[in-house]
Amino acid sequence: KDVNSKFWATYKKVSNDYDDDFLGRANDDMGIILTFAGLFSAVNSTFIIGMQPNPGDTTNALLLQLIQITVNGPNSVPDISNLSSSTPYPPSTVWMQTLAYASLAFSVLAAFGAVMGKQW
């Protein structure tokens, strides 16, 4: 054998070892990213749910109106102007929810990228 074929055989062996090591480390790193993205998404979703308004307040107000109608008779007209279908949010709450939803979207995007990288 000549020198060139020895060189290329050695190069192929070294490069294959390097590539296999690189792909193994990248696969492990993507698994870690996938785990942390999933955990972060779960915690972030919990905070988002905690920031939502309490639907029980509207339900309690409607039940109070029904009780007043029952007690006062069907001809009494309760004042329903204080009932609202939407809750006014202060700007700080809107910003916090916007940031929470944006971070959730980026976390899901990172998990998607890790899954695609592991399958590739």
PDB file of N, CA and C in Angstrom:
ATOM      1  N   LYS A   1       0.846  -1.178   0.000  1.00  0.00           N
ATOM      2  CA  LYS A   1       0.000   0.000   0.000  1.00  0.00           C
ATOM      3  C   LYS A   1       0.884   1.232   0.000  1.00  0.00           C
ATOM      4  N   ASP A   2       0.361   2.239  -0.629  1.00  0.00           N
ATOM      5  CA  ASP A   2       1.137   3.474  -0.662  1.00  0.00           C
ATOM      6  C   ASP A   2       0.772   4.386   0.504  1.00  0.00           C
ATOM      7  N   VAL A   3       1.451   5.497   0.625  1.00  0.00           N
ATOM      8  CA  VAL A   3       1.282   6.429   1.739  1.00  0.00           C
ATOM      9  C   VAL A   3      -0.087   7.096   1.701  1.00  0.00           C
ATOM     10  N   ASN A   4      -0.576   7.416   0.497  1.00  0.00           N
ATOM     11  CA  ASN A   4      -1.876   8.098   0.387  1.00  0.00           C
ATOM     12  C   ASN A   4      -3.020   7.231   0.898  1.00  0.00           C
ATOM     13  N   SER A   5      -3.012   5.944   0.584  1.00  0.00           N
ATOM     14  CA  SER A   5      -4.111   5.095   1.052  1.00  0.00           C
ATOM     15  C   SER A   5      -4.056   4.923   2.566  1.00  0.00           C
ATOM     16  N   LYS A   6      -2.860   4.886   3.169  1.00  0.00           N
ATOM     17  CA  LYS A   6      -2.747   4.823   4.625  1.00  0.00           C
ATOM     18  C   LYS A   6      -3.277   6.111   5.254  1.00  0.00           C
ATOM     19  N   PHE A   7      -2.933   7.233   4.613  1.00  0.00           N
ATOM     20  CA  PHE A   7      -3.412   8.518   5.130  1.00  0.00           C
ATOM     21  C   PHE A   7      -4.929   8.570   5.135  1.00  0.00           C
ATOM     22  N   TRP A   8      -5.543   8.185   4.023  1.00  0.00           N
ATOM     23  CA  TRP A   8      -7.002   8.277   3.941  1.00  0.00           C
ATOM     24  C   TRP A   8      -7.690   7.253   4.834  1.00  0.00           C
ATOM     25  N   ALA A   9      -7.101   6.113   5.022  1.00  0.00           N
ATOM     26  CA  ALA A   9      -7.682   5.119   5.941  1.00  0.00           C
ATOM     27  C   ALA A   9      -7.630   5.636   7.375  1.00  0.00           C
ATOM     28  N   THR A  10      -6.505   6.243   7.748  1.00  0.00           N
ATOM     29  CA  THR A  10      -6.378   6.820   9.086  1.00  0.00           C
ATOM     30  C   THR A  10      -7.335   7.999   9.249  1.00  0.00           C
ATOM     31  N   TYR A  11      -7.401   8.841   8.208  1.00  0.00           N
ATOM     32  CA  TYR A  11      -8.313   9.990   8.260  1.00  0.00           C
ATOM     33  C   TYR A  11      -9.760   9.525   8.425  1.00  0.00           C
ATOM     34  N   LYS A  12     -10.153   8.488   7.684  1.00  0.00           N
ATOM     35  CA  LYS A  12     -11.529   7.995   7.777  1.00  0.00           C
ATOM     36  C   LYS A  12     -11.815   7.467   9.181  1.00  0.00           C
ATOM     37  N   LYS A  13     -10.892   6.736   9.765  1.00  0.00           N
ATOM     38  CA  LYS A  13     -11.083   6.207  11.111  1.00  0.00           C
ATOM     39  C   LYS A  13     -11.199   7.335  12.137  1.00  0.00           C
ATOM     40  N   VAL A  14     -10.297   8.316  12.074  1.00  0.00           N
ATOM     41  CA  VAL A  14     -10.314   9.432  13.029  1.00  0.00           C
ATOM     42  C   VAL A  14     -11.566  10.271  12.847  1.00  0.00           C
ATOM     43  N   SER A  15     -11.915  10.546  11.597  1.00  0.00           N
ATOM     44  CA  SER A  15     -13.095  11.385  11.357  1.00  0.00           C
ATOM     45  C   SER A  15     -14.382  10.674  11.772  1.00  0.00           C
ATOM     46  N   ASN A  16     -14.472   9.373  11.554  1.00  0.00           N
ATOM     47  CA  ASN A  16     -15.659   8.626  11.991  1.00  0.00           C
ATOM     48  C   ASN A  16     -15.769   8.614  13.516  1.00  0.00           C
ATOM     49  N   ASP A  17     -14.636   8.434  14.195  1.00  0.00           N
ATOM     50  CA  ASP A  17     -14.653   8.486  15.657  1.00  0.00           C
ATOM     51  C   ASP A  17     -15.098   9.858  16.147  1.00  0.00           C
ATOM     52  N   TYR A  18     -14.560  10.902  15.536  1.00  0.00           N
ATOM     53  CA  TYR A  18     -14.929  12.268  15.931  1.00  0.00           C
ATOM     54  C   TYR A  18     -16.408  12.524  15.665  1.00  0.00           C
ATOM     55  N   ASP A  19     -16.893  12.135  14.474  1.00  0.00           N
ATOM     56  CA  ASP A  19     -18.303  12.359  14.129  1.00  0.00           C
ATOM     57  C   ASP A  19     -19.239  11.591  15.061  1.00  0.00           C
ATOM     58  N   ASP A  20     -18.884  10.346  15.372  1.00  0.00           N
ATOM     59  CA  ASP A  20     -19.727   9.558  16.273  1.00  0.00           C
ATOM     60  C   ASP A  20     -19.776  10.184  17.670  1.00  0.00           C
ATOM     61  N   ASP A  21     -18.625  10.646  18.136  1.00  0.00           N
ATOM     62  CA  ASP A  21     -18.579  11.306  19.447  1.00  0.00           C
ATOM     63  C   ASP A  21     -19.395  12.602  19.434  1.00  0.00           C
ATOM     64  N   PHE A  22     -19.254  13.384  18.367  1.00  0.00           N
ATOM     65  CA  PHE A  22     -20.003  14.644  18.241  1.00  0.00           C
ATOM     66  C   PHE A  22     -21.505  14.392  18.210  1.00  0.00           C
ATOM     67  N   LEU A  23     -21.941  13.412  17.425  1.00  0.00           N
ATOM     68  CA  LEU A  23     -23.372  13.118  17.330  1.00  0.00           C
ATOM     69  C   LEU A  23     -23.920  12.577  18.646  1.00  0.00           C
ATOM     70  N   GLY A  24     -23.127  11.784  19.358  1.00  0.00           N
ATOM     71  CA  GLY A  24     -23.565  11.286  20.667  1.00  0.00           C
ATOM     72  C   GLY A  24     -23.750  12.415  21.664  1.00  0.00           C
ATOM     73  N   ARG A  25     -22.793  13.356  21.688  1.00  0.00           N
ATOM     74  CA  ARG A  25     -22.924  14.500  22.605  1.00  0.00           C
ATOM     75  C   ARG A  25     -24.100  15.380  22.211  1.00  0.00           C
ATOM     76  N   ALA A  26     -24.286  15.611  20.902  1.00  0.00           N
ATOM     77  CA  ALA A  26     -25.403  16.444  20.448  1.00  0.00           C
ATOM     78  C   ALA A  26     -26.740  15.792  20.788  1.00  0.00           C
ATOM     79  N   ASN A  27     -26.823  14.483  20.644  1.00  0.00           N
ATOM     80  CA  ASN A  27     -28.058  13.763  20.969  1.00  0.00           C
ATOM     81  C   ASN A  27     -28.358  13.870  22.463  1.00  0.00           C
ATOM     82  N   ASP A  28     -27.328  13.724  23.296  1.00  0.00           N
ATOM     83  CA  ASP A  28     -27.526  13.870  24.742  1.00  0.00           C
ATOM     84  C   ASP A  28     -27.946  15.293  25.099  1.00  0.00           C
ATOM     85  N   ASP A  29     -27.323  16.283  24.474  1.00  0.00           N
ATOM     86  CA  ASP A  29     -27.685  17.674  24.748  1.00  0.00           C
ATOM     87  C   ASP A  29     -29.123  17.973  24.358  1.00  0.00           C
ATOM     88  N   MET A  30     -29.567  17.425  23.224  1.00  0.00           N
ATOM     89  CA  MET A  30     -30.954  17.651  22.805  1.00  0.00           C
ATOM     90  C   MET A  30     -31.938  16.973  23.741  1.00  0.00           C
ATOM     91  N   GLY A  31     -31.561  15.828  24.297  1.00  0.00           N
ATOM     92  CA  GLY A  31     -32.414  15.179  25.293  1.00  0.00           C
ATOM     93  C   GLY A  31     -32.555  16.028  26.542  1.00  0.00           C
ATOM     94  N   ILE A  32     -31.457  16.651  26.963  1.00  0.00           N
ATOM     95  CA  ILE A  32     -31.503  17.536  28.132  1.00  0.00           C
ATOM     96  C   ILE A  32     -32.358  18.761  27.837  1.00  0.00           C
ATOM     97  N   ILE A  33     -32.190  19.351  26.660  1.00  0.00           N
ATOM     98  CA  ILE A  33     -32.994  20.519  26.276  1.00  0.00           C
ATOM     99  C   ILE A  33     -34.473  20.147  26.244  1.00  0.00           C
ATOM    100  N   LEU A  34     -34.775  18.983  25.715  1.00  0.00           N
ATOM    101  CA  LEU A  34     -36.167  18.532  25.635  1.00  0.00           C
ATOM    102  C   LEU A  34     -36.757  18.360  27.036  1.00  0.00           C
ATOM    103  N   THR A  35     -35.985  17.803  27.952  1.00  0.00           N
ATOM    104  CA  THR A  35     -36.464  17.620  29.325  1.00  0.00           C
ATOM    105  C   THR A  35     -36.737  18.965  30.002  1.00  0.00           C
ATOM    106  N   PHE A  36     -35.778  19.879  29.920  1.00  0.00           N
ATOM    107  CA  PHE A  36     -35.953  21.165  30.578  1.00  0.00           C
ATOM    108  C   PHE A  36     -37.042  22.005  29.914  1.00  0.00           C
ATOM    109  N   ALA A  37     -37.185  21.911  28.594  1.00  0.00           N
ATOM    110  CA  ALA A  37     -38.259  22.649  27.923  1.00  0.00           C
ATOM    111  C   ALA A  37     -39.621  22.120  28.367  1.00  0.00           C
ATOM    112  N   GLY A  38     -39.739  20.813  28.535  1.00  0.00           N
ATOM    113  CA  GLY A  38     -40.999  20.238  29.010  1.00  0.00           C
ATOM    114  C   GLY A  38     -41.319  20.654  30.434  1.00  0.00           C
ATOM    115  N   LEU A  39     -40.295  20.636  31.310  1.00  0.00           N
ATOM    116  CA  LEU A  39     -40.519  21.060  32.691  1.00  0.00           C
ATOM    117  C   LEU A  39     -40.868  22.541  32.770  1.00  0.00           C
ATOM    118  N   PHE A  40     -40.165  23.358  31.998  1.00  0.00           N
ATOM    119  CA  PHE A  40     -40.450  24.794  32.003  1.00  0.00           C
ATOM    120  C   PHE A  40     -41.852  25.069  31.476  1.00  0.00           C
ATOM    121  N   SER A  41     -42.264  24.348  30.440  1.00  0.00           N
ATOM    122  CA  SER A  41     -43.613  24.537  29.897  1.00  0.00           C
ATOM    123  C   SER A  41     -44.676  24.181  30.929  1.00  0.00           C
ATOM    124  N   ALA A  42     -44.441  23.121  31.685  1.00  0.00           N
ATOM    125  CA  ALA A  42     -45.418  22.720  32.702  1.00  0.00           C
ATOM    126  C   ALA A  42     -45.530  23.782  33.800  1.00  0.00           C
ATOM    127  N   VAL A  43     -44.394  24.280  34.270  1.00  0.00           N
ATOM    128  CA  VAL A  43     -44.416  25.304  35.322  1.00  0.00           C
ATOM    129  C   VAL A  43     -45.030  26.595  34.799  1.00  0.00           C
ATOM    130  N   ASN A  44     -44.659  26.973  33.572  1.00  0.00           N
ATOM    131  CA  ASN A  44     -45.178  28.196  32.971  1.00  0.00           C
ATOM    132  C   ASN A  44     -46.701  28.093  32.774  1.00  0.00           C
ATOM    133  N   SER A  45     -47.183  26.946  32.358  1.00  0.00           N
ATOM    134  CA  SER A  45     -48.629  26.754  32.182  1.00  0.00           C
ATOM    135  C   SER A  45     -49.356  26.884  33.515  1.00  0.00           C
ATOM    136  N   THR A  46     -48.730  26.410  34.586  1.00  0.00           N
ATOM    137  CA  THR A  46     -49.336  26.547  35.910  1.00  0.00           C
ATOM    138  C   THR A  46     -49.482  28.013  36.298  1.00  0.00           C
ATOM    139  N   PHE A  47     -48.455  28.805  36.027  1.00  0.00           N
ATOM    140  CA  PHE A  47     -48.545  30.240  36.329  1.00  0.00           C
ATOM    141  C   PHE A  47     -49.590  30.933  35.461  1.00  0.00           C
ATOM    142  N   ILE A  48     -49.686  30.530  34.201  1.00  0.00           N
ATOM    143  CA  ILE A  48     -50.687  31.140  33.307  1.00  0.00           C
ATOM    144  C   ILE A  48     -52.094  30.838  33.818  1.00  0.00           C
ATOM    145  N   ILE A  49     -52.317  29.607  34.246  1.00  0.00           N
ATOM    146  CA  ILE A  49     -53.635  29.245  34.781  1.00  0.00           C
ATOM    147  C   ILE A  49     -53.925  30.033  36.051  1.00  0.00           C
ATOM    148  N   GLY A  50     -52.898  30.248  36.868  1.00  0.00           N
ATOM    149  CA  GLY A  50     -53.080  31.005  38.107  1.00  0.00           C
ATOM    150  C   GLY A  50     -53.405  32.470  37.875  1.00  0.00           C
ATOM    151  N   MET A  51     -53.033  33.020  36.724  1.00  0.00           N
ATOM    152  CA  MET A  51     -53.301  34.437  36.426  1.00  0.00           C
ATOM    153  C   MET A  51     -54.694  34.668  35.848  1.00  0.00           C
ATOM    154  N   GLN A  52     -55.417  33.606  35.537  1.00  0.00           N
ATOM    155  CA  GLN A  52     -56.740  33.757  34.939  1.00  0.00           C
ATOM    156  C   GLN A  52     -57.735  34.248  35.983  1.00  0.00           C
ATOM    157  N   PRO A  53     -58.760  34.989  35.546  1.00  0.00           N
ATOM    158  CA  PRO A  53     -59.768  35.461  36.513  1.00  0.00           C
ATOM    159  C   PRO A  53     -60.587  34.289  37.051  1.00  0.00           C
ATOM    160  N   ASN A  54     -61.168  34.500  38.206  1.00  0.00           N
ATOM    161  CA  ASN A  54     -61.969  33.472  38.848  1.00  0.00           C
ATOM    162  C   ASN A  54     -63.373  33.457  38.241  1.00  0.00           C
ATOM    163  N   PRO A  55     -63.753  32.391  37.535  1.00  0.00           N
ATOM    164  CA  PRO A  55     -65.101  32.359  36.943  1.00  0.00           C
ATOM    165  C   PRO A  55     -66.189  32.192  38.000  1.00  0.00           C
ATOM    166  N   GLY A  56     -65.804  31.829  39.204  1.00  0.00           N
ATOM    167  CA  GLY A  56     -66.793  31.676  40.273  1.00  0.00           C
ATOM    168  C   GLY A  56     -67.424  32.992  40.679  1.00  0.00           C
ATOM    169  N   ASP A  57     -66.717  34.101  40.487  1.00  0.00           N
ATOM    170  CA  ASP A  57     -67.281  35.405  40.848  1.00  0.00           C
ATOM    171  C   ASP A  57     -68.517  35.720  40.012  1.00  0.00           C
ATOM    172  N   THR A  58     -68.436  35.498  38.703  1.00  0.00           N
ATOM    173  CA  THR A  58     -69.588  35.746  37.829  1.00  0.00           C
ATOM    174  C   THR A  58     -70.720  34.770  38.150  1.00  0.00           C
ATOM    175  N   THR A  59     -70.356  33.519  38.398  1.00  0.00           N
ATOM    176  CA  THR A  59     -71.378  32.524  38.736  1.00  0.00           C
ATOM    177  C   THR A  59     -72.102  32.904  40.027  1.00  0.00           C
ATOM    178  N   ASN A  60     -71.356  33.342  41.029  1.00  0.00           N
ATOM    179  CA  ASN A  60     -71.982  33.745  42.294  1.00  0.00           C
ATOM    180  C   ASN A  60     -72.895  34.946  42.113  1.00  0.00           C
ATOM    181  N   ALA A  61     -72.497  35.908  41.280  1.00  0.00           N
ATOM    182  CA  ALA A  61     -73.348  37.076  41.038  1.00  0.00           C
ATOM    183  C   ALA A  61     -74.633  36.669  40.319  1.00  0.00           C
ATOM    184  N   LEU A  62     -74.541  35.754  39.367  1.00  0.00           N
ATOM    185  CA  LEU A  62     -75.737  35.290  38.665  1.00  0.00           C
ATOM    186  C   LEU A  62     -76.663  34.498  39.589  1.00  0.00           C
ATOM    187  N   LEU A  63     -76.085  33.684  40.467  1.00  0.00           N
ATOM    188  CA  LEU A  63     -76.907  32.951  41.429  1.00  0.00           C
ATOM    189  C   LEU A  63     -77.612  33.908  42.388  1.00  0.00           C
ATOM    190  N   LEU A  64     -76.931  34.953  42.781  1.00  0.00           N
ATOM    191  CA  LEU A  64     -77.551  35.965  43.652  1.00  0.00           C
ATOM    192  C   LEU A  64     -78.729  36.617  42.934  1.00  0.00           C
ATOM    193  N   GLN A  65     -78.582  36.907  41.659  1.00  0.00           N
ATOM    194  CA  GLN A  65     -79.686  37.493  40.885  1.00  0.00           C
ATOM    195  C   GLN A  65     -80.867  36.520  40.812  1.00  0.00           C
ATOM    196  N   LEU A  66     -80.581  35.229  40.597  1.00  0.00           N
ATOM    197  CA  LEU A  66     -81.661  34.238  40.541  1.00  0.00           C
ATOM    198  C   LEU A  66     -82.380  34.118  41.883  1.00  0.00           C
ATOM    199  N   ILE A  67     -81.633  34.173  42.965  1.00  0.00           N
ATOM    200  CA  ILE A  67     -82.255  34.102  44.296  1.00  0.00           C
ATOM    201  C   ILE A  67     -83.123  35.329  44.536  1.00  0.00           C
ATOM    202  N   GLN A  68     -82.652  36.512  44.116  1.00  0.00           N
ATOM    203  CA  GLN A  68     -83.453  37.728  44.282  1.00  0.00           C
ATOM    204  C   GLN A  68     -84.734  37.657  43.463  1.00  0.00           C
ATOM    205  N   ILE A  69     -84.657  37.104  42.266  1.00  0.00           N
ATOM    206  CA  ILE A  69     -85.864  36.954  41.435  1.00  0.00           C
ATOM    207  C   ILE A  69     -86.824  35.978  42.107  1.00  0.00           C
ATOM    208  N   THR A  70     -86.314  34.913  42.677  1.00  0.00           N
ATOM    209  CA  THR A  70     -87.156  33.922  43.344  1.00  0.00           C
ATOM    210  C   THR A  70     -87.835  34.512  44.582  1.00  0.00           C
ATOM    211  N   VAL A  71     -87.077  35.292  45.336  1.00  0.00           N
ATOM    212  CA  VAL A  71     -87.626  35.869  46.574  1.00  0.00           C
ATOM    213  C   VAL A  71     -88.600  36.996  46.263  1.00  0.00           C
ATOM    214  N   ASN A  72     -88.263  37.893  45.346  1.00  0.00           N
ATOM    215  CA  ASN A  72     -89.083  39.073  45.070  1.00  0.00           C
ATOM    216  C   ASN A  72     -90.174  38.826  44.041  1.00  0.00           C
ATOM    217  N   GLY A  73     -90.166  37.699  43.399  1.00  0.00           N
ATOM    218  CA  GLY A  73     -91.186  37.394  42.408  1.00  0.00           C
ATOM    219  C   GLY A  73     -90.674  37.668  41.001  1.00  0.00           C
ATOM    220  N   PRO A  74     -91.367  37.130  40.020  1.00  0.00           N
ATOM    221  CA  PRO A  74     -90.901  37.254  38.634  1.00  0.00           C
ATOM    222  C   PRO A  74     -91.052  38.673  38.068  1.00  0.00           C
ATOM    223  N   ASN A  75     -91.845  39.532  38.710  1.00  0.00           N
ATOM    224  CA  ASN A  75     -92.037  40.879  38.174  1.00  0.00           C
ATOM    225  C   ASN A  75     -90.903  41.825  38.560  1.00  0.00           C
ATOM    226  N   SER A  76     -90.066  41.431  39.504  1.00  0.00           N
ATOM    227  CA  SER A  76     -88.957  42.305  39.893  1.00  0.00           C
ATOM    228  C   SER A  76     -87.851  42.182  38.860  1.00  0.00           C
ATOM    229  N   VAL A  77     -87.301  43.316  38.499  1.00  0.00           N
ATOM    230  CA  VAL A  77     -86.221  43.336  37.511  1.00  0.00           C
ATOM    231  C   VAL A  77     -84.928  43.654  38.235  1.00  0.00           C
ATOM    232  N   PRO A  78     -84.036  42.678  38.344  1.00  0.00           N
ATOM    233  CA  PRO A  78     -82.770  42.957  39.031  1.00  0.00           C
ATOM    234  C   PRO A  78     -81.843  43.801  38.154  1.00  0.00           C
ATOM    235  N   ASP A  79     -80.996  44.538  38.808  1.00  0.00           N
ATOM    236  CA  ASP A  79     -80.030  45.383  38.098  1.00  0.00           C
ATOM    237  C   ASP A  79     -78.843  44.509  37.683  1.00  0.00           C
ATOM    238  N   ILE A  80     -78.740  44.272  36.400  1.00  0.00           N
ATOM    239  CA  ILE A  80     -77.650  43.430  35.911  1.00  0.00           C
ATOM    240  C   ILE A  80     -76.547  44.257  35.246  1.00  0.00           C
ATOM    241  N   SER A  81     -76.584  45.567  35.463  1.00  0.00           N
ATOM    242  CA  SER A  81     -75.576  46.420  34.826  1.00  0.00           C
ATOM    243  C   SER A  81     -74.189  46.199  35.404  1.00  0.00           C
ATOM    244  N   ASN A  82     -74.116  45.685  36.651  1.00  0.00           N
ATOM    245  CA  ASN A  82     -72.796  45.467  37.239  1.00  0.00           C
ATOM    246  C   ASN A  82     -72.162  44.153  36.799  1.00  0.00           C
ATOM    247  N   LEU A  83     -72.930  43.309  36.100  1.00  0.00           N
ATOM    248  CA  LEU A  83     -72.364  42.068  35.574  1.00  0.00           C
ATOM    249  C   LEU A  83     -71.682  42.356  34.243  1.00  0.00           C
ATOM    250  N   SER A  84     -70.520  41.818  34.092  1.00  0.00           N
ATOM    251  CA  SER A  84     -69.760  42.064  32.871  1.00  0.00           C
ATOM    252  C   SER A  84     -69.251  40.739  32.326  1.00  0.00           C
ATOM    253  N   SER A  85     -69.218  40.616  31.011  1.00  0.00           N
ATOM    254  CA  SER A  85     -68.705  39.393  30.409  1.00  0.00           C
ATOM    255  C   SER A  85     -67.185  39.417  30.321  1.00  0.00           C
ATOM    256  N   SER A  86     -66.599  40.579  30.472  1.00  0.00           N
ATOM    257  CA  SER A  86     -65.140  40.654  30.433  1.00  0.00           C
ATOM    258  C   SER A  86     -64.641  41.364  31.692  1.00  0.00           C
ATOM    259  N   THR A  87     -63.507  40.946  32.132  1.00  0.00           N
ATOM    260  CA  THR A  87     -62.905  41.535  33.321  1.00  0.00           C
ATOM    261  C   THR A  87     -61.852  42.539  32.884  1.00  0.00           C
ATOM    262  N   PRO A  88     -61.919  43.765  33.370  1.00  0.00           N
ATOM    263  CA  PRO A  88     -60.881  44.728  32.986  1.00  0.00           C
ATOM    264  C   PRO A  88     -59.561  44.382  33.665  1.00  0.00           C
ATOM    265  N   TYR A  89     -58.520  44.278  32.870  1.00  0.00           N
ATOM    266  CA  TYR A  89     -57.198  43.952  33.393  1.00  0.00           C
ATOM    267  C   TYR A  89     -56.343  45.198  33.463  1.00  0.00           C
ATOM    268  N   PRO A  90     -55.557  45.346  34.512  1.00  0.00           N
ATOM    269  CA  PRO A  90     -54.584  46.442  34.528  1.00  0.00           C
ATOM    270  C   PRO A  90     -53.471  46.151  33.514  1.00  0.00           C
ATOM    271  N   PRO A  91     -52.804  47.184  33.016  1.00  0.00           N
ATOM    272  CA  PRO A  91     -51.764  46.965  32.001  1.00  0.00           C
ATOM    273  C   PRO A  91     -50.642  46.047  32.473  1.00  0.00           C
ATOM    274  N   SER A  92     -50.328  46.064  33.757  1.00  0.00           N
ATOM    275  CA  SER A  92     -49.249  45.191  34.235  1.00  0.00           C
ATOM    276  C   SER A  92     -49.635  43.717  34.095  1.00  0.00           C
ATOM    277  N   THR A  93     -50.899  43.402  34.332  1.00  0.00           N
ATOM    278  CA  THR A  93     -51.359  42.021  34.177  1.00  0.00           C
ATOM    279  C   THR A  93     -51.323  41.596  32.719  1.00  0.00           C
ATOM    280  N   VAL A  94     -51.698  42.505  31.826  1.00  0.00           N
ATOM    281  CA  VAL A  94     -51.658  42.193  30.388  1.00  0.00           C
ATOM    282  C   VAL A  94     -50.221  41.910  29.959  1.00  0.00           C
ATOM    283  N   TRP A  95     -49.279  42.727  30.442  1.00  0.00           N
ATOM    284  CA  TRP A  95     -47.874  42.511  30.096  1.00  0.00           C
ATOM    285  C   TRP A  95     -47.364  41.184  30.661  1.00  0.00           C
ATOM    286  N   MET A  96     -47.734  40.879  31.889  1.00  0.00           N
ATOM    287  CA  MET A  96     -47.278  39.625  32.492  1.00  0.00           C
ATOM    288  C   MET A  96     -47.825  38.419  31.736  1.00  0.00           C
ATOM    289  N   GLN A  97     -49.096  38.472  31.358  1.00  0.00           N
ATOM    290  CA  GLN A  97     -49.668  37.358  30.602  1.00  0.00           C
ATOM    291  C   GLN A  97     -49.052  37.269  29.211  1.00  0.00           C
ATOM    292  N   THR A  98     -48.765  38.413  28.591  1.00  0.00           N
ATOM    293  CA  THR A  98     -48.118  38.407  27.281  1.00  0.00           C
ATOM    294  C   THR A  98     -46.747  37.759  27.362  1.00  0.00           C
ATOM    295  N   LEU A  99     -45.977  38.120  28.377  1.00  0.00           N
ATOM    296  CA  LEU A  99     -44.650  37.516  28.549  1.00  0.00           C
ATOM    297  C   LEU A  99     -44.748  36.030  28.870  1.00  0.00           C
ATOM    298  N   ALA A 100     -45.735  35.649  29.665  1.00  0.00           N
ATOM    299  CA  ALA A 100     -45.897  34.237  30.017  1.00  0.00           C
ATOM    300  C   ALA A 100     -46.259  33.409  28.784  1.00  0.00           C
ATOM    301  N   TYR A 101     -47.183  33.915  27.968  1.00  0.00           N
ATOM    302  CA  TYR A 101     -47.549  33.189  26.753  1.00  0.00           C
ATOM    303  C   TYR A 101     -46.403  33.159  25.747  1.00  0.00           C
ATOM    304  N   ALA A 102     -45.633  34.248  25.649  1.00  0.00           N
ATOM    305  CA  ALA A 102     -44.482  34.267  24.739  1.00  0.00           C
ATOM    306  C   ALA A 102     -43.423  33.268  25.194  1.00  0.00           C
ATOM    307  N   SER A 103     -43.150  33.206  26.489  1.00  0.00           N
ATOM    308  CA  SER A 103     -42.156  32.250  26.972  1.00  0.00           C
ATOM    309  C   SER A 103     -42.642  30.817  26.792  1.00  0.00           C
ATOM    310  N   LEU A 104     -43.937  30.601  26.935  1.00  0.00           N
ATOM    311  CA  LEU A 104     -44.485  29.265  26.682  1.00  0.00           C
ATOM    312  C   LEU A 104     -44.324  28.890  25.210  1.00  0.00           C
ATOM    313  N   ALA A 105     -44.577  29.845  24.325  1.00  0.00           N
ATOM    314  CA  ALA A 105     -44.424  29.572  22.892  1.00  0.00           C
ATOM    315  C   ALA A 105     -42.966  29.251  22.547  1.00  0.00           C
ATOM    316  N   PHE A 106     -42.027  30.010  23.101  1.00  0.00           N
ATOM    317  CA  PHE A 106     -40.612  29.734  22.827  1.00  0.00           C
ATOM    318  C   PHE A 106     -40.171  28.404  23.433  1.00  0.00           C
ATOM    319  N   SER A 107     -40.718  28.056  24.573  1.00  0.00           N
ATOM    320  CA  SER A 107     -40.383  26.778  25.191  1.00  0.00           C
ATOM    321  C   SER A 107     -40.890  25.613  24.336  1.00  0.00           C
ATOM    322  N   VAL A 108     -42.098  25.729  23.838  1.00  0.00           N
ATOM    323  CA  VAL A 108     -42.644  24.687  22.964  1.00  0.00           C
ATOM    324  C   VAL A 108     -41.850  24.634  21.662  1.00  0.00           C
ATOM    325  N   LEU A 109     -41.429  25.785  21.155  1.00  0.00           N
ATOM    326  CA  LEU A 109     -40.610  25.815  19.947  1.00  0.00           C
ATOM    327  C   LEU A 109     -39.256  25.146  20.188  1.00  0.00           C
ATOM    328  N   ALA A 110     -38.649  25.366  21.348  1.00  0.00           N
ATOM    329  CA  ALA A 110     -37.377  24.715  21.678  1.00  0.00           C
ATOM    330  C   ALA A 110     -37.558  23.203  21.797  1.00  0.00           C
ATOM    331  N   ALA A 111     -38.652  22.778  22.402  1.00  0.00           N
ATOM    332  CA  ALA A 111     -38.922  21.342  22.503  1.00  0.00           C
ATOM    333  C   ALA A 111     -39.136  20.735  21.117  1.00  0.00           C
ATOM    334  N   PHE A 112     -39.835  21.451  20.251  1.00  0.00           N
ATOM    335  CA  PHE A 112     -40.047  20.977  18.887  1.00  0.00           C
ATOM    336  C   PHE A 112     -38.717  20.850  18.148  1.00  0.00           C
ATOM    337  N   GLY A 113     -37.842  21.857  18.308  1.00  0.00           N
ATOM    338  CA  GLY A 113     -36.528  21.795  17.677  1.00  0.00           C
ATOM    339  C   GLY A 113     -35.705  20.639  18.203  1.00  0.00           C
ATOM    340  N   ALA A 114     -35.781  20.367  19.509  1.00  0.00           N
ATOM    341  CA  ALA A 114     -35.039  19.243  20.076  1.00  0.00           C
ATOM    342  C   ALA A 114     -35.566  17.909  19.550  1.00  0.00           C
ATOM    343  N   VAL A 115     -36.875  17.787  19.425  1.00  0.00           N
ATOM    344  CA  VAL A 115     -37.448  16.555  18.876  1.00  0.00           C
ATOM    345  C   VAL A 115     -37.021  16.370  17.426  1.00  0.00           C
ATOM    346  N   MET A 116     -37.060  17.436  16.654  1.00  0.00           N
ATOM    347  CA  MET A 116     -36.644  17.340  15.254  1.00  0.00           C
ATOM    348  C   MET A 116     -35.156  16.987  15.160  1.00  0.00           C
ATOM    349  N   GLY A 117     -34.336  17.576  16.047  1.00  0.00           N
ATOM    350  CA  GLY A 117     -32.917  17.270  16.042  1.00  0.00           C
ATOM    351  C   GLY A 117     -32.624  15.832  16.433  1.00  0.00           C
ATOM    352  N   LYS A 118     -33.385  15.299  17.387  1.00  0.00           N
ATOM    353  CA  LYS A 118     -33.172  13.900  17.797  1.00  0.00           C
ATOM    354  C   LYS A 118     -33.600  12.927  16.708  1.00  0.00           C
ATOM    355  N   GLN A 119     -34.613  13.282  15.942  1.00  0.00           N
ATOM    356  CA  GLN A 119     -35.079  12.389  14.890  1.00  0.00           C
ATOM    357  C   GLN A 119     -34.222  12.466  13.632  1.00  0.00           C
ATOM    358  N   TRP A 120     -33.467  13.528  13.513  1.00  0.00           N
ATOM    359  CA  TRP A 120     -32.637  13.704  12.335  1.00  0.00           C
ATOM    360  C   TRP A 120     -31.454  12.856  12.504  1.00  0.00           C
TER     361      TRP A 120
END
